[in-house]
Amino acid sequence: MAYDRERRSAPTAAEREARKIFRQAEAKEALTDYAKAQKAFHENRERLKAERLAREAEAANRTKAG
């Protein structure tokens, strides 16, 4: 194992640039996935809130009418 580390040379400029671009692409993809998850969460929360408000309004109308 130590022998492999000794044989390994420093990355070339092209390798460093490729790694940099690859990391940037991964970060962008992760942010995109995060944004999609956040959007889905907020949409679901708003849907559930609307359903709850509708149930509460219906219950209030029943108590007034009843």
N, C-alpha and C. Protein backbone atom coordinates (compact mmCIF):
# COMPACT_ATOMS: atom_id res chain seq x y z
N MET A 1 0.82 -1.18 0.00
CA MET A 1 0.00 0.00 0.00
C MET A 1 0.87 1.25 0.00
N ALA A 2 1.88 1.28 0.85
CA ALA A 2 2.77 2.43 0.90
C ALA A 2 3.51 2.59 -0.43
N TYR A 3 3.79 1.48 -1.07
CA TYR A 3 4.49 1.53 -2.35
C TYR A 3 3.64 2.26 -3.39
N ASP A 4 2.34 2.00 -3.40
CA ASP A 4 1.45 2.65 -4.36
C ASP A 4 1.42 4.16 -4.16
N ARG A 5 1.45 4.61 -2.93
CA ARG A 5 1.44 6.05 -2.67
C ARG A 5 2.72 6.70 -3.16
N GLU A 6 3.81 6.00 -3.03
CA GLU A 6 5.09 6.55 -3.47
C GLU A 6 5.14 6.65 -4.99
N ARG A 7 4.55 5.69 -5.70
CA ARG A 7 4.57 5.69 -7.16
C ARG A 7 3.63 6.74 -7.74
N ARG A 8 2.60 7.09 -7.01
CA ARG A 8 1.59 8.01 -7.50
C ARG A 8 2.20 9.40 -7.67
N SER A 9 1.98 9.98 -8.81
CA SER A 9 2.51 11.33 -9.03
C SER A 9 1.40 12.35 -8.82
N ALA A 10 1.79 13.58 -8.72
CA ALA A 10 0.82 14.66 -8.55
C ALA A 10 -0.05 14.75 -9.79
N PRO A 11 -1.33 15.13 -9.64
CA PRO A 11 -2.21 15.23 -10.80
C PRO A 11 -1.75 16.34 -11.74
N THR A 12 -1.95 16.08 -12.99
CA THR A 12 -1.57 17.09 -13.99
C THR A 12 -2.59 18.22 -13.96
N ALA A 13 -2.28 19.30 -14.65
CA ALA A 13 -3.19 20.43 -14.71
C ALA A 13 -4.51 20.02 -15.35
N ALA A 14 -4.46 19.18 -16.35
CA ALA A 14 -5.68 18.73 -17.02
C ALA A 14 -6.53 17.88 -16.06
N GLU A 15 -5.88 17.02 -15.28
CA GLU A 15 -6.61 16.20 -14.31
C GLU A 15 -7.26 17.08 -13.24
N ARG A 16 -6.51 18.08 -12.75
CA ARG A 16 -7.07 18.99 -11.75
C ARG A 16 -8.27 19.74 -12.31
N GLU A 17 -8.16 20.20 -13.53
CA GLU A 17 -9.26 20.93 -14.16
C GLU A 17 -10.47 20.02 -14.36
N ALA A 18 -10.23 18.78 -14.76
CA ALA A 18 -11.33 17.83 -14.96
C ALA A 18 -12.03 17.55 -13.63
N ARG A 19 -11.24 17.37 -12.57
CA ARG A 19 -11.84 17.13 -11.24
C ARG A 19 -12.65 18.34 -10.80
N LYS A 20 -12.14 19.52 -11.05
CA LYS A 20 -12.84 20.76 -10.67
C LYS A 20 -14.19 20.85 -11.38
N ILE A 21 -14.20 20.58 -12.67
CA ILE A 21 -15.44 20.65 -13.44
C ILE A 21 -16.41 19.57 -12.98
N PHE A 22 -15.89 18.39 -12.71
CA PHE A 22 -16.74 17.29 -12.24
C PHE A 22 -17.37 17.63 -10.90
N ARG A 23 -16.59 18.20 -9.97
CA ARG A 23 -17.13 18.60 -8.66
C ARG A 23 -18.20 19.67 -8.81
N GLN A 24 -17.98 20.62 -9.72
CA GLN A 24 -18.97 21.67 -9.94
C GLN A 24 -20.28 21.09 -10.48
N ALA A 25 -20.16 20.14 -11.40
CA ALA A 25 -21.35 19.50 -11.96
C ALA A 25 -22.10 18.72 -10.88
N GLU A 26 -21.37 18.01 -10.02
CA GLU A 26 -22.01 17.27 -8.94
C GLU A 26 -22.72 18.21 -7.97
N ALA A 27 -22.08 19.33 -7.66
CA ALA A 27 -22.68 20.30 -6.74
C ALA A 27 -23.95 20.88 -7.34
N LYS A 28 -23.91 21.19 -8.63
CA LYS A 28 -25.09 21.75 -9.29
C LYS A 28 -26.23 20.74 -9.29
N GLU A 29 -25.91 19.47 -9.56
CA GLU A 29 -26.92 18.41 -9.55
C GLU A 29 -27.52 18.24 -8.16
N ALA A 30 -26.67 18.30 -7.15
CA ALA A 30 -27.16 18.16 -5.77
C ALA A 30 -28.09 19.31 -5.42
N LEU A 31 -27.73 20.53 -5.81
CA LEU A 31 -28.60 21.66 -5.55
C LEU A 31 -29.90 21.54 -6.31
N THR A 32 -29.85 21.03 -7.53
CA THR A 32 -31.07 20.84 -8.31
C THR A 32 -31.97 19.82 -7.62
N ASP A 33 -31.40 18.72 -7.15
CA ASP A 33 -32.17 17.71 -6.43
C ASP A 33 -32.78 18.30 -5.16
N TYR A 34 -31.99 19.12 -4.46
CA TYR A 34 -32.47 19.75 -3.24
C TYR A 34 -33.63 20.70 -3.55
N ALA A 35 -33.49 21.48 -4.61
CA ALA A 35 -34.54 22.42 -4.99
C ALA A 35 -35.83 21.68 -5.36
N LYS A 36 -35.70 20.58 -6.08
CA LYS A 36 -36.88 19.77 -6.43
C LYS A 36 -37.56 19.24 -5.17
N ALA A 37 -36.78 18.75 -4.24
CA ALA A 37 -37.33 18.22 -3.00
C ALA A 37 -38.03 19.32 -2.21
N GLN A 38 -37.42 20.49 -2.14
CA GLN A 38 -38.03 21.61 -1.42
C GLN A 38 -39.33 22.04 -2.07
N LYS A 39 -39.36 22.10 -3.40
CA LYS A 39 -40.57 22.50 -4.11
C LYS A 39 -41.69 21.50 -3.84
N ALA A 40 -41.37 20.21 -3.91
CA ALA A 40 -42.37 19.18 -3.65
C ALA A 40 -42.88 19.28 -2.22
N PHE A 41 -42.00 19.53 -1.27
CA PHE A 41 -42.39 19.65 0.13
C PHE A 41 -43.35 20.82 0.31
N HIS A 42 -43.01 21.98 -0.26
CA HIS A 42 -43.84 23.17 -0.09
C HIS A 42 -45.20 23.01 -0.78
N GLU A 43 -45.20 22.39 -1.95
CA GLU A 43 -46.47 22.16 -2.64
C GLU A 43 -47.37 21.23 -1.83
N ASN A 44 -46.80 20.18 -1.27
CA ASN A 44 -47.56 19.25 -0.45
C ASN A 44 -48.08 19.94 0.81
N ARG A 45 -47.25 20.75 1.43
CA ARG A 45 -47.66 21.47 2.63
C ARG A 45 -48.83 22.40 2.33
N GLU A 46 -48.77 23.11 1.21
CA GLU A 46 -49.86 24.01 0.82
C GLU A 46 -51.14 23.23 0.53
N ARG A 47 -51.02 22.08 -0.10
CA ARG A 47 -52.19 21.25 -0.39
C ARG A 47 -52.84 20.78 0.91
N LEU A 48 -52.01 20.31 1.84
CA LEU A 48 -52.54 19.85 3.12
C LEU A 48 -53.17 20.99 3.91
N LYS A 49 -52.57 22.17 3.85
CA LYS A 49 -53.12 23.34 4.53
C LYS A 49 -54.49 23.69 3.96
N ALA A 50 -54.61 23.67 2.63
CA ALA A 50 -55.90 23.97 2.00
C ALA A 50 -56.95 22.95 2.40
N GLU A 51 -56.58 21.68 2.45
CA GLU A 51 -57.53 20.64 2.87
C GLU A 51 -57.97 20.85 4.32
N ARG A 52 -57.02 21.20 5.18
CA ARG A 52 -57.34 21.44 6.59
C ARG A 52 -58.28 22.62 6.74
N LEU A 53 -57.99 23.72 6.03
CA LEU A 53 -58.85 24.90 6.11
C LEU A 53 -60.25 24.60 5.60
N ALA A 54 -60.34 23.79 4.55
CA ALA A 54 -61.65 23.42 4.02
C ALA A 54 -62.43 22.59 5.05
N ARG A 55 -61.76 21.64 5.72
CA ARG A 55 -62.43 20.84 6.76
C ARG A 55 -62.89 21.72 7.91
N GLU A 56 -62.03 22.66 8.32
CA GLU A 56 -62.39 23.55 9.43
C GLU A 56 -63.57 24.43 9.05
N ALA A 57 -63.58 24.94 7.83
CA ALA A 57 -64.70 25.78 7.38
C ALA A 57 -65.99 24.97 7.33
N GLU A 58 -65.91 23.75 6.86
CA GLU A 58 -67.08 22.88 6.79
C GLU A 58 -67.60 22.58 8.19
N ALA A 59 -66.70 22.31 9.11
CA ALA A 59 -67.10 22.04 10.50
C ALA A 59 -67.73 23.28 11.11
N ALA A 60 -67.21 24.46 10.85
CA ALA A 60 -67.78 25.70 11.38
C ALA A 60 -69.17 25.95 10.81
N ASN A 61 -69.36 25.65 9.53
CA ASN A 61 -70.68 25.83 8.90
C ASN A 61 -71.69 24.86 9.50
N ARG A 62 -71.28 23.66 9.82
CA ARG A 62 -72.18 22.67 10.40
C ARG A 62 -72.61 23.09 11.81
N THR A 63 -71.70 23.64 12.58
CA THR A 63 -72.07 24.05 13.93
C THR A 63 -73.00 25.26 13.90
N LYS A 64 -72.83 26.16 12.92
CA LYS A 64 -73.73 27.32 12.79
C LYS A 64 -75.11 26.87 12.33
N ALA A 65 -75.17 25.93 11.43
CA ALA A 65 -76.44 25.46 10.87
C ALA A 65 -77.15 24.51 11.82
N GLY A 66 -76.41 23.85 12.67
CA GLY A 66 -76.97 22.78 13.47
C GLY A 66 -77.53 23.20 14.74
